[in-house]
Amino acid sequence: MRKSLVLLFLCLFSILFQAQTKKFKVVLDAGHGGKDYGATYHGNIEKKISLNIVLKVGEILAKESNIEVVYTRKTDVFIELNERANIANRSKGHLFVSMHCNANDNQEASGNETYVMGVTRNAANLEVAKKENAVVTLESDYKIKYDGFDPKSPESVMGISIMQEENIQQSIDIAGKVQQAFTKFTTSKNRGVKQAGFLVLRKIIMPRVLIEMGFVSNKPEGAFLNSEDGQNKLAEAISKAIFGYRDDFFKIETATLVKKDEPKKNMVKKEETKKADTKPNSENKAALEGVVFKIQISASAKNLETLPKNFKGLSTISVEKENTIYKYFYGNTSSYTKAKQLLEEAKEKGYTSSFIVPLRNGKKIKLSEAIK
């Protein structure tokens, strides 16, 4: 009996230890490389700038003990787009961040923007995607590898096959954080969060974004991108956004995992204590402080009527527009327990990447703050 208890204790300790030491894995992708120079203007070379900033971001992230960094390239080498996706998916990462520099024949164009995977008919977005996708012409048999893809055709860009809803909510969240951080750490124009069909993103099975950090074709902005100071500021901004994303999503998942593996006896005691305790718990406290919870179920470029037939029978749907993206939410409650029930309902309906969004006075806050 004693031996069995010792084994049980060791097993539980092992589960808890794994949950607490699970690392947040970020895949960093430096655009272009090797024979693919990317955009080049005024002596500013995209492949070099993107690699320098990726390495700086990786160095900042690696200082955190619970973050693991995976690179698609760390040197000046050519990596095919499919292989970048393979590296990311094999790593089983939690987030994929691809870094690039923009360019335009109009050399007055300036600013930064962050893209999520999606179908767009916007001419400017299509042009950016076409330029980044053109790298496939440097790969042998690219029309076979990419199902007849023509980088010069808008129809090919719009027709890239993707799972529209899968991970897009989280992708939009990290994209928004990147743009907010750019505004804080740089004086560059914020061009917002956008959607377009990028080949490098299409096969990646995790939240993923492509960042256009600025225009190398704009002389002052290109000089900033190519400078040590500029690269440090951009790396700091991107790292800040990644930390924010980790804090919002990853820590919550880890805490949930620990709770799931608590012994049943403890769960019974917890229930009994809850019945006896007449003081307001954290969920009631959140309600008293004016916190409400909604379930984000999807995000899309389409503006849908908030009718049950458009959301697999779910009612109480609300919508919020952020730049060109519409975010759809299910439910509205001041109870965290009820919010978790709503989350399960949404997942049962097929919205498997849904998540809880806490709001105070209409503004999004961290879940860890809402249930204190």
Protein backbone atom coordinates (compact mmCIF):
# COMPACT_ATOMS: atom_id res chain seq x y z
CA MET A 1 0.00 0.00 0.00
CA ARG A 2 2.79 2.37 0.96
CA LYS A 3 4.62 1.57 -2.27
CA SER A 4 1.47 2.34 -4.28
CA LEU A 5 1.08 5.72 -2.55
CA VAL A 6 4.72 6.59 -3.30
CA LEU A 7 4.23 5.69 -6.99
CA LEU A 8 1.03 7.74 -7.12
CA PHE A 9 2.82 10.73 -5.56
CA LEU A 10 5.69 10.46 -8.06
CA CYS A 11 3.25 10.22 -10.96
CA LEU A 12 1.33 13.31 -9.84
CA PHE A 13 4.57 15.21 -9.20
CA SER A 14 5.76 14.34 -12.71
CA ILE A 15 2.51 15.61 -14.28
CA LEU A 16 2.62 18.85 -12.32
CA PHE A 17 6.31 19.36 -13.10
CA GLN A 18 5.73 18.88 -16.83
CA ALA A 19 2.81 21.33 -16.77
CA GLN A 20 4.85 23.95 -14.95
CA THR A 21 7.98 23.52 -17.10
CA LYS A 22 6.23 23.33 -20.47
CA LYS A 23 7.85 25.95 -22.67
CA PHE A 24 6.21 28.45 -24.97
CA LYS A 25 7.74 27.71 -28.37
CA VAL A 26 8.16 30.53 -30.91
CA VAL A 27 9.23 29.91 -34.52
CA LEU A 28 11.07 32.92 -35.96
CA ASP A 29 11.31 33.17 -39.74
CA ALA A 30 13.73 35.59 -41.42
CA GLY A 31 12.34 36.30 -44.87
CA HIS A 32 14.32 35.49 -48.02
CA GLY A 33 18.04 34.52 -47.79
CA GLY A 34 20.86 33.14 -49.91
CA LYS A 35 20.21 33.68 -53.62
CA ASP A 36 16.93 35.42 -52.74
CA TYR A 37 17.81 38.99 -51.73
CA GLY A 38 14.24 40.19 -51.27
CA ALA A 39 13.69 43.91 -51.79
CA THR A 40 16.83 46.01 -52.36
CA TYR A 41 16.86 49.81 -52.44
CA HIS A 42 19.48 52.46 -51.56
CA GLY A 43 21.91 49.77 -50.34
CA ASN A 44 19.29 48.30 -47.99
CA ILE A 45 18.93 44.54 -48.48
CA GLU A 46 15.82 42.86 -47.10
CA LYS A 47 17.36 39.42 -46.47
CA LYS A 48 20.08 40.92 -44.25
CA ILE A 49 17.78 43.24 -42.32
CA SER A 50 15.19 40.52 -41.63
CA LEU A 51 17.87 38.09 -40.41
CA ASN A 52 19.51 40.67 -38.14
CA ILE A 53 16.18 41.51 -36.49
CA VAL A 54 15.15 37.85 -36.15
CA LEU A 55 18.41 37.07 -34.34
CA LYS A 56 17.93 40.06 -32.04
CA VAL A 57 14.34 39.01 -31.24
CA GLY A 58 15.52 35.47 -30.59
CA GLU A 59 18.20 36.71 -28.21
CA ILE A 60 15.64 38.73 -26.21
CA LEU A 61 13.14 35.85 -26.06
CA ALA A 62 15.79 33.30 -25.05
CA LYS A 63 16.42 35.23 -21.82
CA GLU A 64 13.02 33.98 -20.59
CA SER A 65 13.33 30.52 -19.05
CA ASN A 66 9.91 29.35 -20.27
CA ILE A 67 10.45 30.30 -23.93
CA GLU A 68 12.07 28.12 -26.58
CA VAL A 69 13.09 29.71 -29.89
CA VAL A 70 13.15 27.84 -33.20
CA TYR A 71 14.63 29.47 -36.32
CA THR A 72 13.88 28.68 -39.96
CA ARG A 73 17.31 30.12 -40.73
CA LYS A 74 20.11 31.66 -38.66
CA THR A 75 22.50 32.34 -41.53
CA ASP A 76 22.37 33.69 -45.09
CA VAL A 77 20.92 30.58 -46.74
CA PHE A 78 18.01 29.98 -49.11
CA ILE A 79 15.13 28.07 -47.52
CA GLU A 80 12.15 27.06 -49.67
CA LEU A 81 8.74 28.26 -48.50
CA ASN A 82 7.41 24.74 -47.95
CA GLU A 83 10.46 23.86 -45.86
CA ARG A 84 9.87 26.89 -43.63
CA ALA A 85 6.38 25.52 -42.92
CA ASN A 86 7.83 22.04 -42.34
CA ILE A 87 10.34 23.39 -39.79
CA ALA A 88 7.54 25.21 -37.95
CA ASN A 89 5.15 22.25 -37.92
CA ARG A 90 7.81 19.70 -36.91
CA SER A 91 8.72 21.91 -33.95
CA LYS A 92 5.09 21.85 -32.72
CA GLY A 93 5.46 25.54 -31.96
CA HIS A 94 2.84 27.78 -30.40
CA LEU A 95 3.47 30.80 -32.65
CA PHE A 96 5.07 31.51 -36.06
CA VAL A 97 6.43 35.00 -36.81
CA SER A 98 7.81 35.80 -40.27
CA MET A 99 9.74 39.08 -40.63
CA HIS A 100 10.10 41.04 -43.86
CA CYS A 101 10.69 44.50 -45.29
CA ASN A 102 8.29 46.19 -47.67
CA ALA A 103 9.03 48.07 -50.91
CA ASN A 104 7.10 50.16 -53.38
CA ASP A 105 7.78 51.96 -56.66
CA ASN A 106 6.35 54.99 -54.90
CA GLN A 107 9.33 55.71 -52.69
CA GLU A 108 7.28 58.02 -50.47
CA ALA A 109 5.36 54.99 -49.11
CA SER A 110 6.28 54.27 -45.50
CA GLY A 111 5.19 52.48 -42.34
CA ASN A 112 4.75 49.02 -40.87
CA GLU A 113 1.94 46.49 -41.16
CA THR A 114 1.26 42.96 -39.97
CA TYR A 115 -0.55 40.34 -42.04
CA VAL A 116 -2.63 37.35 -41.07
CA MET A 117 -3.53 34.60 -43.50
CA GLY A 118 -6.69 35.30 -45.44
CA VAL A 119 -8.35 35.96 -48.75
CA THR A 120 -8.39 39.57 -49.90
CA ARG A 121 -9.43 41.53 -52.96
CA ASN A 122 -7.70 44.68 -51.74
CA ALA A 123 -5.28 45.70 -54.48
CA ALA A 124 -2.53 46.97 -52.15
CA ASN A 125 -2.64 43.82 -49.99
CA LEU A 126 -2.59 41.61 -53.10
CA GLU A 127 0.49 43.45 -54.37
CA VAL A 128 2.40 42.87 -51.11
CA ALA A 129 1.51 39.16 -51.16
CA LYS A 130 2.48 38.83 -54.84
CA LYS A 131 5.93 40.32 -54.15
CA GLU A 132 6.60 38.05 -51.16
CA ASN A 133 5.27 34.97 -52.99
CA ALA A 134 7.44 35.64 -56.06
CA VAL A 135 10.33 33.89 -54.29
CA VAL A 136 8.85 30.55 -55.40
CA THR A 137 10.17 31.16 -58.92
CA LEU A 138 13.66 30.49 -57.49
CA GLU A 139 12.57 26.97 -56.54
CA SER A 140 12.69 24.11 -59.02
CA ASP A 141 9.31 22.66 -60.10
CA TYR A 142 7.48 25.33 -58.10
CA LYS A 143 4.28 24.94 -60.15
CA ILE A 144 4.11 21.28 -59.16
CA LYS A 145 5.04 21.91 -55.50
CA TYR A 146 2.51 24.71 -55.12
CA ASP A 147 -0.35 23.27 -57.17
CA GLY A 148 0.10 25.38 -60.31
CA PHE A 149 0.54 28.60 -58.33
CA ASP A 150 1.34 31.68 -60.46
CA PRO A 151 2.87 34.47 -58.31
CA LYS A 152 1.88 37.08 -60.92
CA SER A 153 -1.80 36.14 -60.83
CA PRO A 154 -4.19 37.83 -58.34
CA GLU A 155 -6.47 34.81 -58.71
CA SER A 156 -3.69 32.52 -57.46
CA VAL A 157 -3.12 34.74 -54.42
CA MET A 158 -6.85 34.82 -53.61
CA GLY A 159 -7.23 31.11 -54.28
CA ILE A 160 -4.59 29.81 -51.87
CA SER A 161 -6.40 27.03 -49.98
CA ILE A 162 -6.56 27.67 -46.24
CA MET A 163 -8.65 26.85 -43.20
CA GLN A 164 -10.08 30.36 -42.77
CA GLU A 165 -11.12 30.10 -39.14
CA GLU A 166 -8.38 27.87 -37.70
CA ASN A 167 -6.10 29.92 -35.44
CA ILE A 168 -7.07 33.19 -37.11
CA GLN A 169 -8.39 34.71 -33.88
CA GLN A 170 -5.05 34.25 -32.12
CA SER A 171 -3.20 35.38 -35.25
CA ILE A 172 -5.17 38.64 -35.28
CA ASP A 173 -4.45 39.10 -31.58
CA ILE A 174 -0.66 38.83 -31.96
CA ALA A 175 -0.79 40.99 -35.12
CA GLY A 176 -2.59 43.72 -33.16
CA LYS A 177 -0.02 43.49 -30.38
CA VAL A 178 2.83 43.87 -32.90
CA GLN A 179 1.28 47.03 -34.36
CA GLN A 180 0.66 48.51 -30.91
CA ALA A 181 4.28 47.82 -29.93
CA PHE A 182 5.59 49.41 -33.14
CA THR A 183 3.64 52.56 -32.27
CA LYS A 184 5.21 52.58 -28.80
CA PHE A 185 8.83 51.87 -29.79
CA THR A 186 9.09 53.65 -33.17
CA THR A 187 7.82 56.79 -34.86
CA SER A 188 6.94 54.92 -38.06
CA LYS A 189 3.45 55.06 -39.54
CA ASN A 190 1.13 52.30 -38.28
CA ARG A 191 -0.52 50.78 -41.38
CA GLY A 192 -2.53 48.30 -39.30
CA VAL A 193 -3.46 44.62 -39.36
CA LYS A 194 -4.31 43.19 -42.79
CA GLN A 195 -5.18 39.94 -44.53
CA ALA A 196 -3.58 38.42 -47.62
CA GLY A 197 -2.65 35.04 -49.09
CA PHE A 198 1.02 34.30 -48.33
CA LEU A 199 2.48 30.97 -49.42
CA VAL A 200 4.84 30.89 -46.44
CA LEU A 201 1.83 30.94 -44.07
CA ARG A 202 -0.58 28.63 -45.88
CA LYS A 203 0.55 25.25 -44.46
CA ILE A 204 1.47 26.34 -40.95
CA ILE A 205 -0.79 24.79 -38.30
CA MET A 206 -0.38 27.34 -35.51
CA PRO A 207 -1.17 31.04 -35.05
CA ARG A 208 1.00 32.84 -37.60
CA VAL A 209 1.74 36.34 -38.83
CA LEU A 210 3.92 38.01 -41.43
CA ILE A 211 5.36 41.38 -40.40
CA GLU A 212 6.35 44.05 -42.92
CA MET A 213 8.63 46.12 -40.68
CA GLY A 214 8.98 49.12 -42.99
CA PHE A 215 9.84 50.19 -46.54
CA VAL A 216 13.44 49.79 -47.69
CA SER A 217 12.38 51.80 -50.77
CA ASN A 218 11.77 54.87 -48.58
CA LYS A 219 15.21 56.41 -48.05
CA PRO A 220 14.84 57.61 -44.41
CA GLU A 221 12.88 54.53 -43.35
CA GLY A 222 15.29 52.22 -45.15
CA ALA A 223 18.18 53.85 -43.28
CA PHE A 224 16.31 53.25 -40.00
CA LEU A 225 15.72 49.58 -40.89
CA ASN A 226 19.38 49.15 -41.77
CA SER A 227 20.70 50.84 -38.61
CA GLU A 228 21.66 49.17 -35.34
CA ASP A 229 19.37 51.50 -33.40
CA GLY A 230 16.42 50.85 -35.72
CA GLN A 231 16.87 47.10 -35.60
CA ASN A 232 17.13 47.15 -31.80
CA LYS A 233 13.88 49.13 -31.52
CA LEU A 234 12.03 46.85 -33.93
CA ALA A 235 13.32 43.74 -32.16
CA GLU A 236 12.24 45.15 -28.80
CA ALA A 237 8.77 45.94 -30.14
CA ILE A 238 8.25 42.48 -31.68
CA SER A 239 9.54 40.78 -28.53
CA LYS A 240 7.18 42.85 -26.39
CA ALA A 241 4.25 41.73 -28.55
CA ILE A 242 5.27 38.07 -28.28
CA PHE A 243 5.56 38.34 -24.49
CA GLY A 244 2.09 39.86 -24.37
CA TYR A 245 0.66 37.07 -26.50
CA ARG A 246 2.33 34.45 -24.30
CA ASP A 247 0.92 36.05 -21.16
CA ASP A 248 -2.59 36.16 -22.61
CA PHE A 249 -2.76 32.62 -23.98
CA PHE A 250 0.04 30.28 -22.94
CA LYS A 251 0.06 30.80 -19.16
CA ILE A 252 -3.70 30.25 -19.04
CA GLU A 253 -3.35 26.92 -20.87
CA THR A 254 -0.63 25.79 -18.44
CA ALA A 255 -2.72 26.70 -15.40
CA THR A 256 -5.70 24.82 -16.83
CA LEU A 257 -3.55 21.73 -17.34
CA VAL A 258 -2.48 21.71 -13.69
CA LYS A 259 -6.09 22.01 -12.55
CA LYS A 260 -7.18 19.10 -14.72
CA ASP A 261 -4.64 16.80 -13.12
CA GLU A 262 -5.45 17.56 -9.48
CA PRO A 263 -6.33 14.43 -7.42
CA LYS A 264 -10.06 13.76 -7.09
CA LYS A 265 -9.88 13.94 -3.28
CA ASN A 266 -8.65 17.50 -3.50
CA MET A 267 -11.43 18.30 -5.91
CA VAL A 268 -14.02 16.99 -3.40
CA LYS A 269 -12.48 19.07 -0.61
CA LYS A 270 -12.52 22.10 -2.86
CA GLU A 271 -16.25 21.59 -3.55
CA GLU A 272 -16.99 21.26 0.18
CA THR A 273 -14.99 24.39 0.99
CA LYS A 274 -16.81 26.28 -1.72
CA LYS A 275 -20.20 25.39 -0.22
CA ALA A 276 -19.12 26.46 3.26
CA ASP A 277 -17.52 29.70 2.11
CA THR A 278 -20.02 32.54 2.01
CA LYS A 279 -17.46 35.19 1.02
CA PRO A 280 -17.40 36.40 -2.59
CA ASN A 281 -15.02 34.28 -4.66
CA SER A 282 -12.83 35.55 -7.51
CA GLU A 283 -15.60 35.07 -10.06
CA ASN A 284 -18.07 37.19 -8.04
CA LYS A 285 -15.35 39.75 -7.43
CA ALA A 286 -14.80 40.04 -11.19
CA ALA A 287 -18.53 40.72 -11.69
CA LEU A 288 -18.50 43.39 -8.97
CA GLU A 289 -15.61 45.13 -10.70
CA GLY A 290 -17.58 45.36 -13.94
CA VAL A 291 -15.75 42.60 -15.80
CA VAL A 292 -17.68 40.67 -18.44
CA PHE A 293 -16.63 37.64 -20.47
CA LYS A 294 -17.32 36.89 -24.12
CA ILE A 295 -16.25 33.95 -26.28
CA GLN A 296 -14.44 34.88 -29.48
CA ILE A 297 -15.51 32.20 -31.94
CA SER A 298 -14.22 33.49 -35.26
CA ALA A 299 -12.71 36.36 -37.21
CA SER A 300 -13.12 37.09 -40.87
CA ALA A 301 -12.96 39.76 -43.55
CA LYS A 302 -16.69 39.10 -44.11
CA ASN A 303 -19.35 41.15 -42.33
CA LEU A 304 -22.00 38.57 -41.39
CA GLU A 305 -25.43 39.18 -39.94
CA THR A 306 -25.44 38.05 -36.30
CA LEU A 307 -28.13 35.43 -36.88
CA PRO A 308 -28.00 31.88 -35.43
CA LYS A 309 -28.07 30.38 -38.96
CA ASN A 310 -24.72 32.06 -39.71
CA PHE A 311 -23.09 30.72 -36.53
CA LYS A 312 -24.08 27.03 -36.40
CA GLY A 313 -27.17 27.74 -34.30
CA LEU A 314 -25.46 29.89 -31.66
CA SER A 315 -27.39 32.96 -30.53
CA THR A 316 -26.34 36.06 -28.56
CA ILE A 317 -23.67 36.89 -31.15
CA SER A 318 -21.92 40.27 -31.19
CA VAL A 319 -19.42 41.66 -33.65
CA GLU A 320 -16.49 44.05 -33.40
CA LYS A 321 -14.56 45.51 -36.32
CA GLU A 322 -10.79 45.90 -36.02
CA ASN A 323 -9.20 47.50 -39.08
CA THR A 324 -10.50 45.31 -41.94
CA ILE A 325 -11.27 42.28 -39.74
CA TYR A 326 -14.61 41.42 -38.14
CA LYS A 327 -14.40 39.55 -34.82
CA TYR A 328 -17.42 37.51 -33.74
CA PHE A 329 -18.26 36.79 -30.09
CA TYR A 330 -20.68 34.39 -28.43
CA GLY A 331 -22.39 35.19 -25.11
CA ASN A 332 -21.94 37.91 -22.52
CA THR A 333 -21.61 37.03 -18.83
CA SER A 334 -20.09 38.36 -15.62
CA SER A 335 -19.44 34.80 -14.36
CA TYR A 336 -16.18 33.09 -15.27
CA THR A 337 -17.79 29.70 -14.59
CA LYS A 338 -20.56 30.51 -17.06
CA ALA A 339 -17.96 31.75 -19.56
CA LYS A 340 -16.22 28.36 -19.42
CA GLN A 341 -19.56 26.67 -20.10
CA LEU A 342 -20.13 28.96 -23.09
CA LEU A 343 -16.64 28.14 -24.35
CA GLU A 344 -17.43 24.41 -24.26
CA GLU A 345 -20.72 25.03 -26.09
CA ALA A 346 -18.88 26.93 -28.84
CA LYS A 347 -16.29 24.17 -29.21
CA GLU A 348 -19.01 21.52 -29.39
CA LYS A 349 -20.53 23.47 -32.29
CA GLY A 350 -17.22 23.22 -34.15
CA TYR A 351 -15.49 26.46 -33.14
CA THR A 352 -12.51 24.55 -31.78
CA SER A 353 -10.12 27.52 -31.62
CA SER A 354 -12.53 29.68 -29.55
CA PHE A 355 -11.26 31.40 -26.43
CA ILE A 356 -12.50 33.53 -23.54
CA VAL A 357 -12.14 37.31 -23.85
CA PRO A 358 -12.49 39.33 -20.61
CA LEU A 359 -13.55 42.98 -20.92
CA ARG A 360 -13.67 45.85 -18.47
CA ASN A 361 -15.53 48.99 -19.53
CA GLY A 362 -15.52 47.68 -23.09
CA LYS A 363 -11.75 47.19 -23.22
CA LYS A 364 -9.99 43.83 -23.42
CA ILE A 365 -7.93 42.85 -20.38
CA LYS A 366 -5.88 39.81 -19.44
CA LEU A 367 -7.79 36.82 -18.12
CA SER A 368 -5.36 36.63 -15.19
CA GLU A 369 -6.46 40.15 -14.18
CA ALA A 370 -10.15 39.41 -14.58
CA ILE A 371 -10.24 36.45 -12.18
CA LYS A 372 -7.96 37.78 -9.44
